[in-house]
Amino acid sequence: MCKLVIQIAARLGLGIDSVKNVIIWGNHSSTQYPDARHASIKKGGEDIKLTDALPDMGWIQDQFVSVSNLSLKQ
């Protein structure tokens, strides 16, 4: 399971099967970059864009990206 999906699911209190369309750009190197702009979650039987479901977009832009870049390199 992608560590990025696990991070998003944990942040929103959802199961990992509720998160989809998280993209990782780049190859297996330090140039990898996580992209959650196209991600969506399933909540209450409805697909919701992650950007609409997550009240703290600063988390995506700062903490998620930096932590994800570290975990992708491992």
N, C-alpha and C. Protein backbone atom coordinates (compact mmCIF):
# COMPACT_ATOMS: atom_id res chain seq x y z
N MET A 1 0.85 -1.19 0.00
CA MET A 1 0.00 0.00 0.00
C MET A 1 0.88 1.24 0.00
N CYS A 2 0.53 2.18 -0.76
CA CYS A 2 1.28 3.42 -0.88
C CYS A 2 1.25 4.19 0.45
N LYS A 3 2.41 4.59 0.93
CA LYS A 3 2.49 5.34 2.19
C LYS A 3 1.71 6.65 2.12
N LEU A 4 1.62 7.20 0.92
CA LEU A 4 0.88 8.46 0.77
C LEU A 4 -0.60 8.26 1.05
N VAL A 5 -1.16 7.18 0.56
CA VAL A 5 -2.57 6.88 0.80
C VAL A 5 -2.80 6.67 2.30
N ILE A 6 -1.89 5.99 2.94
CA ILE A 6 -2.01 5.73 4.38
C ILE A 6 -2.00 7.06 5.14
N GLN A 7 -1.12 7.99 4.76
CA GLN A 7 -1.06 9.30 5.43
C GLN A 7 -2.38 10.06 5.29
N ILE A 8 -2.92 10.08 4.09
CA ILE A 8 -4.16 10.81 3.85
C ILE A 8 -5.31 10.17 4.61
N ALA A 9 -5.40 8.84 4.55
CA ALA A 9 -6.47 8.14 5.25
C ALA A 9 -6.40 8.40 6.76
N ALA A 10 -5.20 8.35 7.30
CA ALA A 10 -5.03 8.59 8.74
C ALA A 10 -5.41 10.02 9.10
N ARG A 11 -5.02 10.97 8.27
CA ARG A 11 -5.33 12.38 8.54
C ARG A 11 -6.83 12.63 8.58
N LEU A 12 -7.58 11.92 7.73
CA LEU A 12 -9.03 12.11 7.65
C LEU A 12 -9.83 11.10 8.46
N GLY A 13 -9.14 10.16 9.10
CA GLY A 13 -9.84 9.16 9.90
C GLY A 13 -10.63 8.18 9.06
N LEU A 14 -10.10 7.84 7.88
CA LEU A 14 -10.78 6.92 6.96
C LEU A 14 -9.95 5.67 6.75
N GLY A 15 -10.56 4.66 6.19
CA GLY A 15 -9.83 3.47 5.78
C GLY A 15 -9.06 3.75 4.50
N ILE A 16 -8.01 2.99 4.28
CA ILE A 16 -7.19 3.22 3.09
C ILE A 16 -7.94 2.97 1.79
N ASP A 17 -8.97 2.15 1.84
CA ASP A 17 -9.76 1.88 0.63
C ASP A 17 -10.65 3.06 0.25
N SER A 18 -10.69 4.08 1.08
CA SER A 18 -11.51 5.26 0.80
C SER A 18 -10.74 6.36 0.06
N VAL A 19 -9.45 6.15 -0.17
CA VAL A 19 -8.60 7.15 -0.82
C VAL A 19 -8.16 6.63 -2.18
N LYS A 20 -8.29 7.48 -3.20
CA LYS A 20 -7.84 7.06 -4.53
C LYS A 20 -7.27 8.24 -5.31
N ASN A 21 -6.56 7.91 -6.37
CA ASN A 21 -5.99 8.88 -7.32
C ASN A 21 -4.89 9.76 -6.74
N VAL A 22 -4.09 9.22 -5.84
CA VAL A 22 -2.89 9.92 -5.38
C VAL A 22 -1.78 9.55 -6.37
N ILE A 23 -1.08 10.56 -6.87
CA ILE A 23 -0.09 10.35 -7.93
C ILE A 23 1.31 10.64 -7.38
N ILE A 24 2.28 9.88 -7.83
CA ILE A 24 3.68 10.15 -7.52
C ILE A 24 4.39 10.41 -8.84
N TRP A 25 4.90 11.62 -9.00
CA TRP A 25 5.61 12.00 -10.22
C TRP A 25 7.10 11.75 -10.03
N GLY A 26 7.77 11.35 -11.09
CA GLY A 26 9.21 11.14 -11.06
C GLY A 26 9.56 9.66 -11.00
N ASN A 27 10.84 9.39 -10.97
CA ASN A 27 11.29 8.01 -10.88
C ASN A 27 11.75 7.73 -9.46
N HIS A 28 12.32 6.57 -9.23
CA HIS A 28 12.74 6.20 -7.88
C HIS A 28 14.04 6.91 -7.53
N SER A 29 13.91 8.17 -7.20
CA SER A 29 15.06 8.97 -6.84
C SER A 29 14.58 10.16 -6.00
N SER A 30 15.47 11.08 -5.75
CA SER A 30 15.11 12.26 -4.95
C SER A 30 14.21 13.22 -5.73
N THR A 31 13.94 12.94 -7.00
CA THR A 31 13.07 13.82 -7.79
C THR A 31 11.60 13.45 -7.68
N GLN A 32 11.28 12.40 -6.93
CA GLN A 32 9.87 12.02 -6.77
C GLN A 32 9.11 13.13 -6.06
N TYR A 33 7.86 13.32 -6.49
CA TYR A 33 7.03 14.35 -5.88
C TYR A 33 5.60 13.84 -5.76
N PRO A 34 5.05 13.83 -4.54
CA PRO A 34 3.66 13.38 -4.36
C PRO A 34 2.68 14.45 -4.81
N ASP A 35 1.62 14.03 -5.45
CA ASP A 35 0.62 14.97 -5.97
C ASP A 35 -0.76 14.49 -5.54
N ALA A 36 -1.40 15.25 -4.66
CA ALA A 36 -2.72 14.88 -4.16
C ALA A 36 -3.82 15.75 -4.76
N ARG A 37 -3.47 16.57 -5.77
CA ARG A 37 -4.46 17.47 -6.36
C ARG A 37 -5.61 16.73 -7.04
N HIS A 38 -5.36 15.53 -7.51
CA HIS A 38 -6.40 14.76 -8.20
C HIS A 38 -7.00 13.67 -7.31
N ALA A 39 -6.56 13.64 -6.07
CA ALA A 39 -7.03 12.61 -5.15
C ALA A 39 -8.47 12.86 -4.75
N SER A 40 -9.15 11.78 -4.43
CA SER A 40 -10.51 11.89 -3.92
C SER A 40 -10.68 10.87 -2.80
N ILE A 41 -11.70 11.10 -2.01
CA ILE A 41 -12.03 10.18 -0.92
C ILE A 41 -13.49 9.77 -1.06
N LYS A 42 -13.79 8.63 -0.52
CA LYS A 42 -15.18 8.18 -0.47
C LYS A 42 -15.64 8.33 0.98
N LYS A 43 -16.64 9.19 1.16
CA LYS A 43 -17.16 9.43 2.50
C LYS A 43 -18.68 9.47 2.42
N GLY A 44 -19.31 8.66 3.21
CA GLY A 44 -20.77 8.59 3.18
C GLY A 44 -21.31 8.11 1.84
N GLY A 45 -20.55 7.26 1.16
CA GLY A 45 -20.97 6.74 -0.13
C GLY A 45 -20.78 7.69 -1.29
N GLU A 46 -20.16 8.84 -1.03
CA GLU A 46 -19.99 9.86 -2.07
C GLU A 46 -18.50 10.12 -2.30
N ASP A 47 -18.10 10.29 -3.57
CA ASP A 47 -16.73 10.68 -3.89
C ASP A 47 -16.59 12.18 -3.73
N ILE A 48 -15.57 12.58 -2.96
CA ILE A 48 -15.32 13.98 -2.68
C ILE A 48 -13.86 14.28 -3.02
N LYS A 49 -13.60 15.39 -3.68
CA LYS A 49 -12.23 15.79 -3.96
C LYS A 49 -11.51 16.01 -2.63
N LEU A 50 -10.29 15.54 -2.55
CA LEU A 50 -9.52 15.70 -1.33
C LEU A 50 -9.39 17.16 -0.95
N THR A 51 -9.21 18.02 -1.93
CA THR A 51 -9.06 19.45 -1.65
C THR A 51 -10.32 20.04 -1.01
N ASP A 52 -11.48 19.42 -1.22
CA ASP A 52 -12.72 19.87 -0.58
C ASP A 52 -12.91 19.23 0.79
N ALA A 53 -12.36 18.05 0.97
CA ALA A 53 -12.58 17.30 2.20
C ALA A 53 -11.60 17.65 3.31
N LEU A 54 -10.45 18.16 2.94
CA LEU A 54 -9.42 18.45 3.93
C LEU A 54 -9.42 19.94 4.27
N PRO A 55 -9.78 20.28 5.48
CA PRO A 55 -9.87 21.70 5.84
C PRO A 55 -8.51 22.40 5.91
N ASP A 56 -7.44 21.65 6.13
CA ASP A 56 -6.11 22.23 6.29
C ASP A 56 -5.25 21.95 5.07
N MET A 57 -5.41 22.76 4.01
CA MET A 57 -4.64 22.54 2.79
C MET A 57 -3.16 22.84 3.01
N GLY A 58 -2.82 23.58 4.04
CA GLY A 58 -1.42 23.80 4.38
C GLY A 58 -0.71 22.49 4.68
N TRP A 59 -1.44 21.54 5.26
CA TRP A 59 -0.88 20.22 5.54
C TRP A 59 -0.43 19.54 4.25
N ILE A 60 -1.24 19.63 3.22
CA ILE A 60 -0.88 19.01 1.94
C ILE A 60 0.33 19.70 1.34
N GLN A 61 0.35 21.00 1.36
CA GLN A 61 1.41 21.76 0.71
C GLN A 61 2.73 21.69 1.47
N ASP A 62 2.70 21.53 2.76
CA ASP A 62 3.93 21.55 3.55
C ASP A 62 4.28 20.19 4.14
N GLN A 63 3.55 19.80 5.15
CA GLN A 63 3.90 18.59 5.89
C GLN A 63 3.77 17.33 5.05
N PHE A 64 2.67 17.17 4.33
CA PHE A 64 2.45 15.96 3.53
C PHE A 64 3.56 15.80 2.49
N VAL A 65 3.87 16.86 1.78
CA VAL A 65 4.88 16.78 0.73
C VAL A 65 6.25 16.48 1.31
N SER A 66 6.64 17.15 2.39
CA SER A 66 7.97 16.92 2.96
C SER A 66 8.09 15.53 3.57
N VAL A 67 7.08 15.09 4.32
CA VAL A 67 7.11 13.76 4.91
C VAL A 67 7.03 12.70 3.82
N SER A 68 6.24 12.94 2.79
CA SER A 68 6.11 11.98 1.71
C SER A 68 7.41 11.82 0.95
N ASN A 69 8.11 12.91 0.70
CA ASN A 69 9.37 12.84 0.00
C ASN A 69 10.38 12.02 0.79
N LEU A 70 10.38 12.16 2.10
CA LEU A 70 11.28 11.36 2.93
C LEU A 70 10.90 9.89 2.88
N SER A 71 9.62 9.59 2.99
CA SER A 71 9.19 8.19 3.02
C SER A 71 9.34 7.53 1.64
N LEU A 72 9.23 8.29 0.58
CA LEU A 72 9.40 7.71 -0.75
C LEU A 72 10.84 7.30 -1.03
N LYS A 73 11.78 7.94 -0.38
CA LYS A 73 13.19 7.66 -0.60
C LYS A 73 13.65 6.42 0.15
N GLN A 74 12.87 5.98 1.12
CA GLN A 74 13.26 4.83 1.93
C GLN A 74 12.98 3.53 1.23
